[in-house]
N, C-alpha and C. Protein backbone atom coordinates (compact mmCIF):
# COMPACT_ATOMS: atom_id res chain seq x y z
N MET A 1 12.21 14.47 -6.91
CA MET A 1 11.42 13.60 -6.03
C MET A 1 10.38 14.44 -5.31
N ALA A 2 9.16 13.93 -5.21
CA ALA A 2 8.07 14.65 -4.56
C ALA A 2 8.30 14.68 -3.05
N SER A 3 7.97 15.79 -2.44
CA SER A 3 8.08 15.85 -0.99
C SER A 3 6.81 15.30 -0.38
N SER A 4 6.91 14.84 0.88
CA SER A 4 5.72 14.28 1.50
C SER A 4 4.67 15.36 1.73
N SER A 5 5.10 16.64 1.90
CA SER A 5 4.10 17.71 2.04
C SER A 5 3.39 17.94 0.71
N GLY A 6 4.13 17.80 -0.40
CA GLY A 6 3.49 17.90 -1.71
C GLY A 6 2.52 16.75 -1.92
N ALA A 7 2.91 15.55 -1.50
CA ALA A 7 2.02 14.38 -1.61
C ALA A 7 0.79 14.59 -0.73
N ALA A 8 0.99 15.11 0.47
CA ALA A 8 -0.13 15.34 1.38
C ALA A 8 -1.12 16.33 0.78
N ASN A 9 -0.62 17.41 0.20
CA ASN A 9 -1.51 18.40 -0.42
C ASN A 9 -2.28 17.80 -1.59
N LEU A 10 -1.60 17.02 -2.42
CA LEU A 10 -2.26 16.36 -3.54
C LEU A 10 -3.34 15.41 -3.03
N LEU A 11 -3.01 14.63 -2.02
CA LEU A 11 -3.98 13.68 -1.48
C LEU A 11 -5.19 14.39 -0.86
N ARG A 12 -4.97 15.51 -0.21
CA ARG A 12 -6.09 16.28 0.35
C ARG A 12 -7.05 16.71 -0.76
N ARG A 13 -6.48 17.21 -1.86
CA ARG A 13 -7.31 17.63 -3.00
C ARG A 13 -8.05 16.44 -3.61
N GLN A 14 -7.33 15.32 -3.77
CA GLN A 14 -7.94 14.15 -4.39
C GLN A 14 -9.05 13.56 -3.50
N LEU A 15 -8.83 13.55 -2.19
CA LEU A 15 -9.85 13.05 -1.27
C LEU A 15 -11.09 13.94 -1.32
N LYS A 16 -10.88 15.26 -1.28
CA LYS A 16 -12.01 16.18 -1.33
C LYS A 16 -12.80 15.99 -2.62
N GLN A 17 -12.08 15.82 -3.74
CA GLN A 17 -12.75 15.61 -5.02
C GLN A 17 -13.57 14.32 -4.99
N MET A 18 -13.00 13.26 -4.45
CA MET A 18 -13.72 11.97 -4.40
C MET A 18 -14.95 12.07 -3.49
N GLN A 19 -14.85 12.87 -2.43
CA GLN A 19 -15.97 12.98 -1.50
C GLN A 19 -17.09 13.87 -2.04
N THR A 20 -16.77 14.76 -2.97
CA THR A 20 -17.79 15.68 -3.49
C THR A 20 -18.27 15.34 -4.89
N ASP A 21 -17.55 14.47 -5.60
CA ASP A 21 -17.91 14.12 -6.98
C ASP A 21 -19.06 13.11 -6.97
N LYS A 22 -20.19 13.52 -7.46
CA LYS A 22 -21.37 12.65 -7.48
C LYS A 22 -21.36 11.71 -8.68
N ASP A 23 -20.37 11.83 -9.55
CA ASP A 23 -20.30 10.98 -10.74
C ASP A 23 -19.54 9.68 -10.48
N ILE A 24 -19.21 9.40 -9.23
CA ILE A 24 -18.47 8.19 -8.89
C ILE A 24 -19.38 7.33 -8.01
N PRO A 25 -20.33 6.62 -8.61
CA PRO A 25 -21.24 5.82 -7.80
C PRO A 25 -20.55 4.60 -7.20
N GLY A 26 -20.92 4.25 -5.99
CA GLY A 26 -20.44 3.03 -5.38
C GLY A 26 -19.08 3.11 -4.73
N ILE A 27 -18.51 4.29 -4.63
CA ILE A 27 -17.20 4.44 -3.98
C ILE A 27 -17.31 5.52 -2.93
N SER A 28 -16.91 5.19 -1.71
CA SER A 28 -16.90 6.15 -0.61
C SER A 28 -15.51 6.14 0.02
N CYS A 29 -14.97 7.33 0.30
CA CYS A 29 -13.62 7.43 0.86
C CYS A 29 -13.60 8.36 2.05
N GLY A 30 -12.77 8.04 3.01
CA GLY A 30 -12.53 8.89 4.16
C GLY A 30 -11.18 8.52 4.74
N LEU A 31 -10.79 9.20 5.79
CA LEU A 31 -9.50 8.91 6.42
C LEU A 31 -9.68 7.87 7.52
N VAL A 32 -8.70 6.99 7.65
CA VAL A 32 -8.68 6.03 8.75
C VAL A 32 -8.51 6.81 10.06
N ASP A 33 -7.61 7.79 10.03
CA ASP A 33 -7.30 8.65 11.18
C ASP A 33 -7.25 10.08 10.66
N ASP A 34 -8.00 10.97 11.26
CA ASP A 34 -8.08 12.34 10.76
C ASP A 34 -6.72 13.04 10.67
N ASN A 35 -5.72 12.52 11.34
CA ASN A 35 -4.40 13.15 11.33
C ASN A 35 -3.45 12.53 10.31
N ASN A 36 -3.94 11.59 9.49
CA ASN A 36 -3.06 10.90 8.54
C ASN A 36 -3.69 10.85 7.16
N ILE A 37 -3.34 11.79 6.30
CA ILE A 37 -3.87 11.86 4.94
C ILE A 37 -3.36 10.72 4.08
N PHE A 38 -2.35 10.00 4.53
CA PHE A 38 -1.73 8.93 3.75
C PHE A 38 -2.44 7.59 3.89
N GLN A 39 -3.49 7.52 4.71
CA GLN A 39 -4.20 6.25 4.89
C GLN A 39 -5.70 6.50 4.80
N TRP A 40 -6.30 5.94 3.75
CA TRP A 40 -7.72 6.13 3.48
C TRP A 40 -8.50 4.85 3.73
N MET A 41 -9.70 5.00 4.26
CA MET A 41 -10.65 3.89 4.34
C MET A 41 -11.57 4.06 3.13
N VAL A 42 -11.69 3.02 2.36
CA VAL A 42 -12.57 3.08 1.19
C VAL A 42 -13.64 2.01 1.32
N MET A 43 -14.80 2.32 0.80
CA MET A 43 -15.90 1.36 0.74
C MET A 43 -16.28 1.23 -0.72
N LEU A 44 -16.26 0.01 -1.20
CA LEU A 44 -16.68 -0.27 -2.57
C LEU A 44 -18.04 -0.96 -2.48
N MET A 45 -19.06 -0.26 -2.93
CA MET A 45 -20.42 -0.79 -2.93
C MET A 45 -20.69 -1.26 -4.35
N ILE A 46 -20.56 -2.55 -4.54
CA ILE A 46 -20.54 -3.12 -5.88
C ILE A 46 -21.95 -3.17 -6.47
N SER A 47 -22.07 -2.63 -7.67
CA SER A 47 -23.34 -2.59 -8.39
C SER A 47 -23.89 -4.00 -8.57
N ASP A 48 -25.20 -4.10 -8.52
CA ASP A 48 -25.86 -5.41 -8.69
C ASP A 48 -25.55 -6.07 -10.02
N ASP A 49 -25.15 -5.29 -11.02
CA ASP A 49 -24.91 -5.88 -12.34
C ASP A 49 -23.49 -6.43 -12.50
N VAL A 50 -22.66 -6.35 -11.46
CA VAL A 50 -21.31 -6.93 -11.52
C VAL A 50 -21.42 -8.42 -11.18
N LYS A 51 -21.03 -9.25 -12.13
CA LYS A 51 -21.15 -10.70 -11.96
C LYS A 51 -20.41 -11.15 -10.70
N TYR A 52 -21.00 -12.03 -9.98
CA TYR A 52 -20.50 -12.65 -8.77
C TYR A 52 -20.54 -11.73 -7.55
N TYR A 53 -19.90 -10.56 -7.62
CA TYR A 53 -19.73 -9.69 -6.45
C TYR A 53 -20.84 -8.66 -6.29
N GLY A 54 -21.80 -8.64 -7.22
CA GLY A 54 -22.87 -7.65 -7.21
C GLY A 54 -23.60 -7.59 -5.88
N GLY A 55 -23.82 -6.38 -5.40
CA GLY A 55 -24.50 -6.16 -4.13
C GLY A 55 -23.59 -6.16 -2.93
N GLY A 56 -22.32 -6.54 -3.12
CA GLY A 56 -21.39 -6.59 -1.99
C GLY A 56 -20.89 -5.21 -1.60
N ASN A 57 -20.54 -5.08 -0.34
CA ASN A 57 -19.92 -3.85 0.19
C ASN A 57 -18.59 -4.25 0.81
N PHE A 58 -17.50 -3.88 0.16
CA PHE A 58 -16.19 -4.30 0.62
C PHE A 58 -15.37 -3.10 1.08
N ARG A 59 -14.84 -3.21 2.30
CA ARG A 59 -14.01 -2.16 2.87
C ARG A 59 -12.54 -2.48 2.60
N ALA A 60 -11.77 -1.42 2.39
CA ALA A 60 -10.33 -1.59 2.17
C ALA A 60 -9.60 -0.37 2.70
N ILE A 61 -8.34 -0.55 3.02
CA ILE A 61 -7.49 0.56 3.41
C ILE A 61 -6.49 0.79 2.28
N MET A 62 -6.44 2.02 1.81
CA MET A 62 -5.48 2.41 0.79
C MET A 62 -4.42 3.25 1.48
N THR A 63 -3.18 2.78 1.41
CA THR A 63 -2.06 3.44 2.07
C THR A 63 -1.12 4.02 1.01
N PHE A 64 -0.90 5.32 1.10
CA PHE A 64 -0.08 6.04 0.12
C PHE A 64 1.31 6.26 0.70
N PRO A 65 2.36 6.07 -0.12
CA PRO A 65 3.72 6.34 0.35
C PRO A 65 4.01 7.84 0.33
N PRO A 66 4.99 8.30 1.10
CA PRO A 66 5.35 9.72 1.07
C PRO A 66 5.77 10.18 -0.33
N GLU A 67 6.22 9.25 -1.18
CA GLU A 67 6.67 9.58 -2.54
C GLU A 67 5.52 9.65 -3.55
N TYR A 68 4.28 9.44 -3.09
CA TYR A 68 3.11 9.53 -3.99
C TYR A 68 3.10 10.91 -4.63
N PRO A 69 2.84 11.05 -5.91
CA PRO A 69 2.35 10.07 -6.87
C PRO A 69 3.43 9.35 -7.68
N LEU A 70 4.69 9.51 -7.27
CA LEU A 70 5.74 8.82 -8.02
C LEU A 70 5.73 7.32 -7.76
N LEU A 71 5.28 6.93 -6.58
CA LEU A 71 5.15 5.52 -6.24
C LEU A 71 3.70 5.22 -5.90
N PRO A 72 3.25 3.98 -6.12
CA PRO A 72 1.84 3.65 -5.94
C PRO A 72 1.46 3.40 -4.48
N PRO A 73 0.17 3.54 -4.21
CA PRO A 73 -0.33 3.13 -2.90
C PRO A 73 -0.49 1.61 -2.86
N THR A 74 -0.83 1.10 -1.69
CA THR A 74 -1.24 -0.30 -1.56
C THR A 74 -2.71 -0.29 -1.19
N LEU A 75 -3.39 -1.37 -1.47
CA LEU A 75 -4.79 -1.51 -1.09
C LEU A 75 -4.96 -2.86 -0.42
N THR A 76 -5.51 -2.84 0.79
CA THR A 76 -5.72 -4.06 1.56
C THR A 76 -7.18 -4.14 1.97
N PHE A 77 -7.86 -5.18 1.52
CA PHE A 77 -9.24 -5.40 1.91
C PHE A 77 -9.32 -5.79 3.37
N GLN A 78 -10.35 -5.33 4.04
CA GLN A 78 -10.62 -5.66 5.43
C GLN A 78 -11.64 -6.80 5.45
N ASP A 79 -11.82 -7.41 6.61
CA ASP A 79 -12.80 -8.49 6.73
C ASP A 79 -14.20 -7.96 6.55
N PRO A 80 -15.07 -8.68 5.90
CA PRO A 80 -14.77 -9.90 5.15
C PRO A 80 -14.12 -9.58 3.80
N LYS A 81 -13.04 -10.27 3.53
CA LYS A 81 -12.29 -10.03 2.30
C LYS A 81 -12.98 -10.74 1.13
N PRO A 82 -12.95 -10.12 -0.06
CA PRO A 82 -13.51 -10.83 -1.20
C PRO A 82 -12.67 -12.06 -1.55
N PHE A 83 -13.33 -13.17 -1.81
CA PHE A 83 -12.65 -14.37 -2.30
C PHE A 83 -12.43 -14.13 -3.79
N HIS A 84 -11.18 -13.94 -4.19
CA HIS A 84 -10.90 -13.48 -5.56
C HIS A 84 -9.48 -13.90 -5.94
N PRO A 85 -9.27 -14.28 -7.20
CA PRO A 85 -7.92 -14.68 -7.63
C PRO A 85 -6.85 -13.61 -7.42
N ASN A 86 -7.23 -12.33 -7.37
CA ASN A 86 -6.24 -11.26 -7.26
C ASN A 86 -6.18 -10.61 -5.89
N VAL A 87 -6.76 -11.29 -4.89
CA VAL A 87 -6.69 -10.81 -3.51
C VAL A 87 -6.01 -11.89 -2.68
N TYR A 88 -4.85 -11.52 -2.09
CA TYR A 88 -4.15 -12.46 -1.23
C TYR A 88 -5.02 -12.79 -0.02
N PRO A 89 -4.83 -13.96 0.58
CA PRO A 89 -5.63 -14.31 1.76
C PRO A 89 -5.56 -13.27 2.89
N ASN A 90 -4.47 -12.50 2.97
CA ASN A 90 -4.37 -11.45 4.01
C ASN A 90 -5.12 -10.17 3.62
N GLY A 91 -5.69 -10.14 2.40
CA GLY A 91 -6.46 -8.98 1.95
C GLY A 91 -5.73 -8.06 1.00
N ASP A 92 -4.42 -8.22 0.84
CA ASP A 92 -3.67 -7.36 -0.08
C ASP A 92 -4.12 -7.61 -1.52
N LEU A 93 -4.32 -6.52 -2.24
CA LEU A 93 -4.74 -6.60 -3.64
C LEU A 93 -3.53 -6.68 -4.55
N CYS A 94 -3.61 -7.54 -5.55
CA CYS A 94 -2.56 -7.63 -6.58
C CYS A 94 -3.18 -7.19 -7.89
N ILE A 95 -2.77 -6.01 -8.35
CA ILE A 95 -3.25 -5.46 -9.61
C ILE A 95 -2.07 -4.71 -10.25
N SER A 96 -1.91 -4.86 -11.53
CA SER A 96 -0.75 -4.31 -12.24
C SER A 96 -0.54 -2.82 -11.98
N ILE A 97 -1.63 -2.04 -11.99
CA ILE A 97 -1.45 -0.59 -11.87
C ILE A 97 -0.90 -0.17 -10.51
N LEU A 98 -0.88 -1.08 -9.53
CA LEU A 98 -0.29 -0.74 -8.23
C LEU A 98 1.10 -1.33 -8.06
N HIS A 99 1.65 -1.90 -9.12
CA HIS A 99 3.03 -2.38 -9.06
C HIS A 99 3.98 -1.24 -9.41
N PRO A 100 5.12 -1.16 -8.74
CA PRO A 100 6.06 -0.04 -8.97
C PRO A 100 6.39 0.16 -10.44
N PRO A 101 6.68 1.41 -10.82
CA PRO A 101 6.96 1.73 -12.23
C PRO A 101 8.37 1.33 -12.65
N GLU A 102 8.55 0.05 -12.80
CA GLU A 102 9.86 -0.49 -13.19
C GLU A 102 9.60 -1.70 -14.07
N GLU A 103 10.63 -2.19 -14.69
CA GLU A 103 10.48 -3.39 -15.52
C GLU A 103 10.15 -4.57 -14.63
N ASP A 104 9.25 -5.41 -15.09
CA ASP A 104 8.87 -6.62 -14.37
C ASP A 104 9.98 -7.65 -14.54
N LYS A 105 10.62 -8.04 -13.44
CA LYS A 105 11.75 -8.96 -13.53
C LYS A 105 11.32 -10.34 -14.03
N TYR A 106 10.01 -10.64 -13.97
CA TYR A 106 9.52 -11.93 -14.46
C TYR A 106 9.03 -11.83 -15.90
N GLY A 107 8.97 -10.61 -16.44
CA GLY A 107 8.55 -10.42 -17.81
C GLY A 107 7.06 -10.61 -18.05
N TYR A 108 6.28 -10.60 -16.98
CA TYR A 108 4.85 -10.83 -17.11
C TYR A 108 4.11 -9.56 -17.52
N GLU A 109 4.48 -8.42 -16.92
CA GLU A 109 3.78 -7.17 -17.18
C GLU A 109 4.65 -6.21 -17.99
N ALA A 110 4.01 -5.52 -18.90
CA ALA A 110 4.71 -4.45 -19.61
C ALA A 110 4.78 -3.24 -18.68
N ALA A 111 5.81 -2.43 -18.86
CA ALA A 111 5.95 -1.22 -18.02
C ALA A 111 4.71 -0.34 -18.12
N SER A 112 4.05 -0.34 -19.26
CA SER A 112 2.86 0.50 -19.45
C SER A 112 1.66 0.03 -18.63
N GLU A 113 1.70 -1.22 -18.14
CA GLU A 113 0.60 -1.75 -17.32
C GLU A 113 0.80 -1.44 -15.84
N ARG A 114 1.99 -0.99 -15.48
CA ARG A 114 2.32 -0.77 -14.08
C ARG A 114 2.01 0.66 -13.67
N TRP A 115 2.34 1.01 -12.44
CA TRP A 115 2.02 2.32 -11.87
C TRP A 115 2.55 3.46 -12.73
N SER A 116 1.73 4.47 -12.84
CA SER A 116 2.11 5.71 -13.50
C SER A 116 1.52 6.84 -12.67
N PRO A 117 2.25 7.96 -12.51
CA PRO A 117 1.73 9.08 -11.73
C PRO A 117 0.43 9.68 -12.26
N VAL A 118 0.01 9.29 -13.46
CA VAL A 118 -1.28 9.81 -13.96
C VAL A 118 -2.45 9.10 -13.28
N GLN A 119 -2.20 7.97 -12.63
CA GLN A 119 -3.26 7.29 -11.90
C GLN A 119 -3.69 8.15 -10.71
N THR A 120 -4.94 8.03 -10.35
CA THR A 120 -5.49 8.74 -9.19
C THR A 120 -6.22 7.73 -8.31
N PRO A 121 -6.55 8.10 -7.09
CA PRO A 121 -7.36 7.18 -6.28
C PRO A 121 -8.64 6.75 -7.01
N GLU A 122 -9.25 7.66 -7.74
CA GLU A 122 -10.46 7.31 -8.48
C GLU A 122 -10.19 6.25 -9.54
N THR A 123 -9.14 6.43 -10.36
CA THR A 123 -8.86 5.45 -11.41
C THR A 123 -8.45 4.11 -10.80
N ILE A 124 -7.77 4.14 -9.67
CA ILE A 124 -7.38 2.91 -8.99
C ILE A 124 -8.63 2.14 -8.56
N LEU A 125 -9.55 2.83 -7.88
CA LEU A 125 -10.73 2.16 -7.35
C LEU A 125 -11.66 1.69 -8.45
N LEU A 126 -11.76 2.43 -9.53
CA LEU A 126 -12.55 1.97 -10.67
C LEU A 126 -11.90 0.72 -11.28
N SER A 127 -10.58 0.68 -11.31
CA SER A 127 -9.87 -0.51 -11.81
C SER A 127 -10.10 -1.71 -10.90
N VAL A 128 -10.17 -1.47 -9.59
CA VAL A 128 -10.42 -2.55 -8.64
C VAL A 128 -11.80 -3.15 -8.88
N ILE A 129 -12.80 -2.29 -9.07
CA ILE A 129 -14.15 -2.78 -9.33
C ILE A 129 -14.17 -3.58 -10.64
N SER A 130 -13.46 -3.09 -11.64
CA SER A 130 -13.36 -3.81 -12.92
C SER A 130 -12.69 -5.16 -12.72
N LEU A 131 -11.66 -5.21 -11.91
CA LEU A 131 -10.94 -6.46 -11.65
C LEU A 131 -11.84 -7.46 -10.91
N LEU A 132 -12.67 -6.96 -10.00
CA LEU A 132 -13.60 -7.87 -9.32
C LEU A 132 -14.48 -8.57 -10.35
N ALA A 133 -14.93 -7.81 -11.33
CA ALA A 133 -15.82 -8.36 -12.36
C ALA A 133 -15.09 -9.27 -13.34
N SER A 134 -13.80 -9.03 -13.53
CA SER A 134 -13.04 -9.77 -14.54
C SER A 134 -11.66 -10.11 -13.99
N PRO A 135 -11.56 -11.19 -13.19
CA PRO A 135 -10.28 -11.54 -12.57
C PRO A 135 -9.18 -11.86 -13.58
N ASN A 136 -7.95 -11.65 -13.14
CA ASN A 136 -6.78 -12.07 -13.90
C ASN A 136 -6.26 -13.32 -13.21
N ASP A 137 -6.50 -14.47 -13.80
CA ASP A 137 -6.09 -15.72 -13.16
C ASP A 137 -4.74 -16.23 -13.66
N GLU A 138 -4.05 -15.44 -14.48
CA GLU A 138 -2.76 -15.87 -15.00
C GLU A 138 -1.64 -15.69 -13.99
N SER A 139 -1.82 -14.77 -13.06
CA SER A 139 -0.81 -14.51 -12.04
C SER A 139 -1.53 -14.32 -10.71
N PRO A 140 -2.11 -15.40 -10.19
CA PRO A 140 -3.00 -15.25 -9.05
C PRO A 140 -2.31 -14.97 -7.72
N ALA A 141 -3.02 -14.21 -6.89
CA ALA A 141 -2.60 -13.97 -5.51
C ALA A 141 -3.19 -15.05 -4.61
N ASP A 142 -4.35 -15.58 -5.00
CA ASP A 142 -5.01 -16.65 -4.25
C ASP A 142 -5.16 -17.83 -5.21
N ILE A 143 -4.32 -18.83 -5.04
CA ILE A 143 -4.26 -19.98 -5.94
C ILE A 143 -5.59 -20.73 -5.97
N GLU A 144 -6.19 -20.93 -4.79
CA GLU A 144 -7.45 -21.67 -4.73
C GLU A 144 -8.56 -20.91 -5.47
N ALA A 145 -8.65 -19.61 -5.26
CA ALA A 145 -9.67 -18.81 -5.95
C ALA A 145 -9.46 -18.88 -7.46
N ALA A 146 -8.21 -18.83 -7.89
CA ALA A 146 -7.93 -18.89 -9.34
C ALA A 146 -8.32 -20.26 -9.90
N ARG A 147 -8.02 -21.32 -9.17
CA ARG A 147 -8.38 -22.67 -9.63
C ARG A 147 -9.89 -22.80 -9.74
N LEU A 148 -10.62 -22.37 -8.70
CA LEU A 148 -12.08 -22.48 -8.73
C LEU A 148 -12.68 -21.59 -9.82
N TRP A 149 -12.08 -20.40 -10.04
CA TRP A 149 -12.54 -19.50 -11.11
C TRP A 149 -12.40 -20.19 -12.47
N ARG A 150 -11.21 -20.77 -12.72
CA ARG A 150 -10.97 -21.44 -14.00
C ARG A 150 -11.94 -22.61 -14.20
N GLU A 151 -12.12 -23.41 -13.13
CA GLU A 151 -13.02 -24.56 -13.24
C GLU A 151 -14.45 -24.12 -13.51
N GLU A 152 -14.87 -23.04 -12.87
CA GLU A 152 -16.23 -22.55 -13.12
C GLU A 152 -16.36 -22.04 -14.55
N GLN A 153 -15.35 -21.34 -15.05
CA GLN A 153 -15.40 -20.84 -16.42
C GLN A 153 -15.47 -21.99 -17.42
N ALA A 154 -14.87 -23.13 -17.04
CA ALA A 154 -14.89 -24.31 -17.91
C ALA A 154 -16.18 -25.13 -17.73
N GLY A 155 -17.04 -24.69 -16.82
CA GLY A 155 -18.31 -25.37 -16.61
C GLY A 155 -18.23 -26.61 -15.74
N VAL A 156 -17.12 -26.76 -15.00
CA VAL A 156 -16.93 -27.95 -14.17
C VAL A 156 -17.88 -27.93 -12.96
N HIS A 157 -18.01 -26.79 -12.29
CA HIS A 157 -18.88 -26.65 -11.12
C HIS A 157 -19.11 -25.19 -10.82
N LYS A 158 -19.84 -24.92 -9.77
CA LYS A 158 -20.18 -23.54 -9.38
C LYS A 158 -19.59 -23.20 -8.01
N ASP A 159 -18.48 -23.82 -7.63
CA ASP A 159 -17.90 -23.59 -6.30
C ASP A 159 -17.38 -22.16 -6.14
N PHE A 160 -16.83 -21.58 -7.20
CA PHE A 160 -16.34 -20.20 -7.11
C PHE A 160 -17.50 -19.27 -6.77
N ARG A 161 -18.59 -19.39 -7.52
CA ARG A 161 -19.78 -18.56 -7.30
C ARG A 161 -20.28 -18.70 -5.86
N LYS A 162 -20.31 -19.93 -5.36
CA LYS A 162 -20.80 -20.17 -3.99
C LYS A 162 -19.92 -19.46 -2.96
N ARG A 163 -18.61 -19.57 -3.12
CA ARG A 163 -17.68 -18.91 -2.17
C ARG A 163 -17.83 -17.40 -2.22
N VAL A 164 -17.94 -16.85 -3.43
CA VAL A 164 -18.06 -15.40 -3.58
C VAL A 164 -19.38 -14.91 -3.00
N ARG A 165 -20.47 -15.62 -3.27
CA ARG A 165 -21.77 -15.19 -2.74
C ARG A 165 -21.75 -15.21 -1.21
N GLN A 166 -21.03 -16.16 -0.62
CA GLN A 166 -20.90 -16.17 0.84
C GLN A 166 -20.16 -14.91 1.31
N CYS A 167 -19.10 -14.51 0.61
CA CYS A 167 -18.37 -13.29 0.95
C CYS A 167 -19.28 -12.07 0.82
N VAL A 168 -20.09 -12.03 -0.22
CA VAL A 168 -21.01 -10.92 -0.42
C VAL A 168 -22.00 -10.85 0.74
N ARG A 169 -22.56 -12.00 1.12
CA ARG A 169 -23.50 -12.03 2.26
C ARG A 169 -22.82 -11.51 3.53
N GLU A 170 -21.60 -11.97 3.77
CA GLU A 170 -20.85 -11.51 4.95
C GLU A 170 -20.60 -10.01 4.89
N SER A 171 -20.33 -9.48 3.68
CA SER A 171 -20.06 -8.05 3.55
C SER A 171 -21.29 -7.22 3.87
N LEU A 172 -22.47 -7.83 3.80
CA LEU A 172 -23.72 -7.15 4.10
C LEU A 172 -24.18 -7.43 5.53
N GLY A 173 -23.33 -8.11 6.30
CA GLY A 173 -23.68 -8.40 7.69
C GLY A 173 -24.58 -9.61 7.85
N GLU A 174 -24.71 -10.38 6.78
CA GLU A 174 -25.52 -11.60 6.83
C GLU A 174 -24.56 -12.79 6.96
N GLU A 175 -25.04 -13.84 7.50
CA GLU A 175 -24.18 -15.04 7.60
C GLU A 175 -24.66 -16.11 6.73
């Protein structure tokens, strides 16, 4: 089992790498509190070419357990939260790679889709951006967002797009 000091050292290295790597556009990371390496503030500045969420700036807190990297962190979006099928109304993100590395008792996810210690904060955040662009509506965290997403994909209306664009405007400080 990893020690929390080992996790802290790993996280310090990973944070430094994320802060100095210029090949990771649109992602900014720092500490919520300078004395706690286990809690990061992240900013996802979504590229204009990402459907629906393009141009948005979404803040989230990524919290790492003392057992990291054996166990996954959590990611919680801050206000304004993206309106998205895989974001709970409280801001918690639901994505397979952040689910514990165990068999899914509901049989929905394969073990290979769940957390693995090879994941890094960078791969997590890139996966989050990918998920924003391509929601998983089969196991939604926000039922209303999933329903509106499905209806929009079927050409019924554009209500999903309208709600998301409002979130994007709010993320930019516009009302």
